Amino acid sequence: MGLDLDCKIDKALLQEQRDIVSLEAQCSRDGIAFSKKQIAYLLRSTRADIYVMRLNGTLAAEAIVLKRKTCRGEVARLYSFAVKPELRGQGLGKKLLLECLEKLRRENIQRVFLEVEADNNIAIALYESLGFCRVALLKSYYGENQDGLKMKFSFS
């Protein structure tokens, strides 16, 4: 992929808040996208990381990861994952998710959970190709008759 040469993945900076909110709005259904206030909170949180992928300095994708301690160790939740619609299908999402998983592994996170719309076959295929497995069907999770899937990745 020729895009790799100009591709950078880093933790988001506070000044990228507007671009992240815009990407959320482009990629999420009404009522699901994060607001400017929510993104600002997450950017400042010690239990959240927002990773951004830039192509030629422009935001192309983002991943919002929440982390918490449990009695079984530290776990993470992929809270939001978005790739600009015009850039999908080029492997950018896979590259970003692999980088996120590697960072979480280095932080000794044991498991990563996510929820995805049950009919989003492209996203589900990506997650399964990287080792996520389906753990539950979430009836009407995204609204009436809009089911979700809970998925899990284990580093063991």
Protein backbone atom coordinates (compact mmCIF):
# COMPACT_ATOMS: atom_id res chain seq x y z
CA MET A 1 0.00 0.00 0.00
CA GLY A 2 1.57 3.29 -1.07
CA LEU A 3 -0.10 5.12 1.80
CA ASP A 4 2.24 3.53 4.36
CA LEU A 5 5.04 6.00 3.68
CA ASP A 6 2.94 8.98 4.78
CA CYS A 7 1.04 7.19 7.56
CA LYS A 8 1.60 8.07 11.23
CA ILE A 9 -0.19 6.71 14.29
CA ASP A 10 0.04 8.59 17.58
CA LYS A 11 -1.99 9.49 20.64
CA ALA A 12 -4.34 12.34 19.81
CA LEU A 13 -3.52 15.86 20.92
CA LEU A 14 -6.04 18.20 22.51
CA GLN A 15 -5.91 20.48 19.48
CA GLU A 16 -7.18 17.60 17.30
CA GLN A 17 -10.51 17.57 19.14
CA ARG A 18 -12.44 19.26 16.31
CA ASP A 19 -11.10 16.84 13.68
CA ILE A 20 -11.96 13.82 15.87
CA VAL A 21 -15.50 15.11 16.44
CA SER A 22 -15.88 15.63 12.68
CA LEU A 23 -14.68 12.08 11.92
CA GLU A 24 -17.05 10.67 14.56
CA ALA A 25 -19.94 12.54 12.91
CA GLN A 26 -18.99 11.23 9.45
CA CYS A 27 -18.75 7.63 10.59
CA SER A 28 -21.50 7.22 13.20
CA ARG A 29 -25.25 7.13 13.03
CA ASP A 30 -27.15 10.02 14.60
CA GLY A 31 -27.11 9.88 18.37
CA ILE A 32 -24.07 7.62 18.60
CA ALA A 33 -21.19 9.96 17.65
CA PHE A 34 -19.25 11.56 20.48
CA SER A 35 -19.83 15.25 21.14
CA LYS A 36 -17.12 17.88 21.40
CA LYS A 37 -17.50 17.86 25.19
CA GLN A 38 -17.18 14.06 25.38
CA ILE A 39 -14.07 14.03 23.19
CA ALA A 40 -12.50 16.79 25.33
CA TYR A 41 -13.18 14.71 28.44
CA LEU A 42 -11.67 11.56 26.89
CA LEU A 43 -8.58 13.44 25.69
CA ARG A 44 -7.91 14.51 29.30
CA SER A 45 -8.80 11.20 30.97
CA THR A 46 -6.06 9.01 32.44
CA ARG A 47 -8.16 5.90 31.70
CA ALA A 48 -8.72 6.66 28.01
CA ASP A 49 -6.46 6.87 24.99
CA ILE A 50 -7.41 8.23 21.60
CA TYR A 51 -5.15 7.03 18.83
CA VAL A 52 -5.20 8.84 15.52
CA MET A 53 -3.87 7.89 12.12
CA ARG A 54 -2.74 10.72 9.90
CA LEU A 55 -2.08 10.55 6.19
CA ASN A 56 -0.05 13.48 4.90
CA GLY A 57 -0.84 15.24 8.18
CA THR A 58 -4.62 14.84 7.84
CA LEU A 59 -6.73 12.76 10.22
CA ALA A 60 -7.71 9.51 8.45
CA ALA A 61 -8.83 7.26 11.32
CA GLU A 62 -9.24 7.14 15.07
CA ALA A 63 -9.60 4.59 17.85
CA ILE A 64 -10.87 5.43 21.33
CA VAL A 65 -9.76 2.95 23.99
CA LEU A 66 -10.93 2.89 27.61
CA LYS A 67 -8.96 0.96 30.24
CA ARG A 68 -9.98 -0.30 33.67
CA LYS A 69 -8.80 -2.61 36.41
CA THR A 70 -10.81 -5.67 37.34
CA CYS A 71 -10.28 -8.48 39.82
CA ARG A 72 -8.85 -10.50 36.89
CA GLY A 73 -6.42 -7.83 35.76
CA GLU A 74 -6.53 -4.85 33.47
CA VAL A 75 -8.92 -4.84 30.50
CA ALA A 76 -9.64 -2.43 27.68
CA ARG A 77 -12.66 -1.54 25.62
CA LEU A 78 -12.44 -0.32 22.04
CA TYR A 79 -15.07 2.34 22.54
CA SER A 80 -15.01 3.87 19.07
CA PHE A 81 -13.23 3.01 15.85
CA ALA A 82 -13.60 5.07 12.69
CA VAL A 83 -11.94 5.36 9.28
CA LYS A 84 -12.87 8.14 6.88
CA PRO A 85 -15.42 6.67 4.46
CA GLU A 86 -13.40 7.58 1.35
CA LEU A 87 -10.32 5.78 2.76
CA ARG A 88 -11.96 2.49 3.72
CA GLY A 89 -10.89 -0.78 2.12
CA GLN A 90 -7.21 0.15 1.98
CA GLY A 91 -6.04 -1.61 5.15
CA LEU A 92 -5.86 1.54 7.28
CA GLY A 93 -8.30 0.24 9.89
CA LYS A 94 -6.34 -2.98 10.24
CA LYS A 95 -3.08 -1.09 10.60
CA LEU A 96 -4.53 1.20 13.28
CA LEU A 97 -6.13 -1.65 15.21
CA LEU A 98 -2.93 -3.73 15.13
CA GLU A 99 -1.00 -0.75 16.50
CA CYS A 100 -3.58 -0.25 19.27
CA LEU A 101 -3.44 -3.93 20.22
CA GLU A 102 0.35 -3.83 20.36
CA LYS A 103 0.29 -0.75 22.64
CA LEU A 104 -2.26 -2.44 24.91
CA ARG A 105 -0.17 -5.63 25.03
CA ARG A 106 2.86 -3.58 26.15
CA GLU A 107 0.68 -2.09 28.92
CA ASN A 108 -0.12 -5.63 30.16
CA ILE A 109 -3.78 -5.43 29.23
CA GLN A 110 -5.15 -8.98 29.25
CA ARG A 111 -8.36 -8.61 27.24
CA VAL A 112 -9.96 -6.13 24.87
CA PHE A 113 -13.73 -5.90 24.39
CA LEU A 114 -15.78 -4.07 21.79
CA GLU A 115 -19.33 -3.77 20.55
CA VAL A 116 -20.19 -3.62 16.87
CA GLU A 117 -23.43 -3.45 14.91
CA ALA A 118 -24.47 -7.04 14.21
CA ASP A 119 -24.98 -6.29 10.50
CA ASN A 120 -21.60 -4.55 10.02
CA ASN A 121 -20.05 -7.55 8.29
CA ILE A 122 -16.94 -5.69 7.10
CA ALA A 123 -16.00 -4.57 10.63
CA ILE A 124 -16.82 -7.99 12.10
CA ALA A 125 -14.59 -9.66 9.49
CA LEU A 126 -11.74 -7.28 10.36
CA TYR A 127 -12.08 -7.95 14.09
CA GLU A 128 -12.28 -11.71 13.60
CA SER A 129 -9.25 -11.68 11.28
CA LEU A 130 -7.24 -10.16 14.13
CA GLY A 131 -8.38 -12.70 16.71
CA PHE A 132 -11.51 -11.19 18.23
CA CYS A 133 -14.26 -13.69 18.96
CA ARG A 134 -18.00 -13.20 19.37
CA VAL A 135 -19.14 -13.48 22.97
CA ALA A 136 -22.73 -12.18 23.01
CA LEU A 137 -25.57 -10.93 20.84
CA LEU A 138 -26.85 -7.62 22.25
CA LYS A 139 -30.52 -7.32 21.32
CA SER A 140 -31.57 -3.78 20.25
CA TYR A 141 -28.22 -2.43 21.53
CA TYR A 142 -28.09 0.31 18.88
CA GLY A 143 -31.81 1.03 18.98
CA GLU A 144 -35.00 -0.85 18.29
CA ASN A 145 -34.27 -3.89 16.08
CA GLN A 146 -30.62 -2.83 15.70
CA ASP A 147 -28.64 -5.58 17.40
CA GLY A 148 -25.02 -5.43 18.43
CA LEU A 149 -22.32 -8.03 18.94
CA LYS A 150 -19.98 -8.05 21.90
CA MET A 151 -16.54 -9.29 20.90
CA LYS A 152 -13.41 -10.13 22.89
CA PHE A 153 -9.69 -10.34 22.16
CA SER A 154 -7.36 -12.12 24.61
CA PHE A 155 -3.60 -11.68 24.69
CA SER A 156 -3.01 -15.14 26.20
